[in-house]
Amino acid sequence: MSVIKSATLIGVCLLIVAVACGFEAQPVRKTRAYYEEREEVVWEVPMKEKLIALTFDDGPNPVTTPKILDLLAENEAKSTFFVVGKRMDRFPDVVRREAEEGHEVANHTYSHLYLNNRISSERLVEELNRTEKQIVSLTGKHSPWFRPPGGFFNDSVVRIARERGYTMVLWSWHQDTKDWSSPGTGKIIDRVLKNVRNGDIVLFHDHVEGSMQTVQALQTILPELRKRGYRMVTVSELVKHRKSNSLLGKPHS
């Protein structure tokens, strides 16, 4: 028997043994780069321009959101609010104001549904559709962006979001302020200002039960970002300015 035939036979035998022992081929590990290259998820938009997107989750809140809107107006800043549908039911006027003042209103599910468990496709579609209907009713615009609560997602969530006309938006890993945990105003300020880069997407929350720390931190963060030459824009505006060779996602109509 030739050396080549022997090697081939040995290889086949090893493969049979591996399968018999349960050693199957492993699936491709889906990293952040995998989703970015497929234009399915946006974490940030690296660029030369000094633009940054401020995003706010879990609102609207009848107390803190208006205060944040006041600060954004004072600092000529625009932002994207990822709203929860059931809170829109209670505070529709706050959402109307967000849109009227040039901010972006985006989908964060109806009931702040965490998608890290076994959630049926029907349930997710219902959550997205119900919130989208409210957004269109209050702002007159369809939102191209969806952010899953807690940042939890899988291939099924990505697929359903895209089928519904959304691109999923998360946040720059170095710009998670963790303000939901009320870590202290100083920590929120430091997290943003010490790590800021062109094209960042910053994660804030405009609804944190019993906390004003985000509002207080923004009183320092917003004027300092302006002083450093940053222009604060919506996610849509940020994506429009991405590098021509960027592999990050874009909204689907």
Foldseek 3Di string as FASTA:
>chain_A
DDPVVVVVVVVVVVVVVCVVVPNDDDDDDCDPVNCLLVQFEAAWFDDPAQEEAEEAEADDDPPQLVLVVVLCVVLVAEHEYAYAQCRCVVPVVSLLVNLVVPHHYHHAFHHLDAPQDDDDLVRRLVRRVSSQVSNCVRRVDGHQEYEYRPNDDDPSRSVSSVVVFHRYYDFHPLQELVCLVVPDLVSSLCSDPVDDDGGGYHYHHSDRPPDNSVSVNSVPNSVVSVVVPYHYYYPQVSVVRHDPPGSHHHTGD
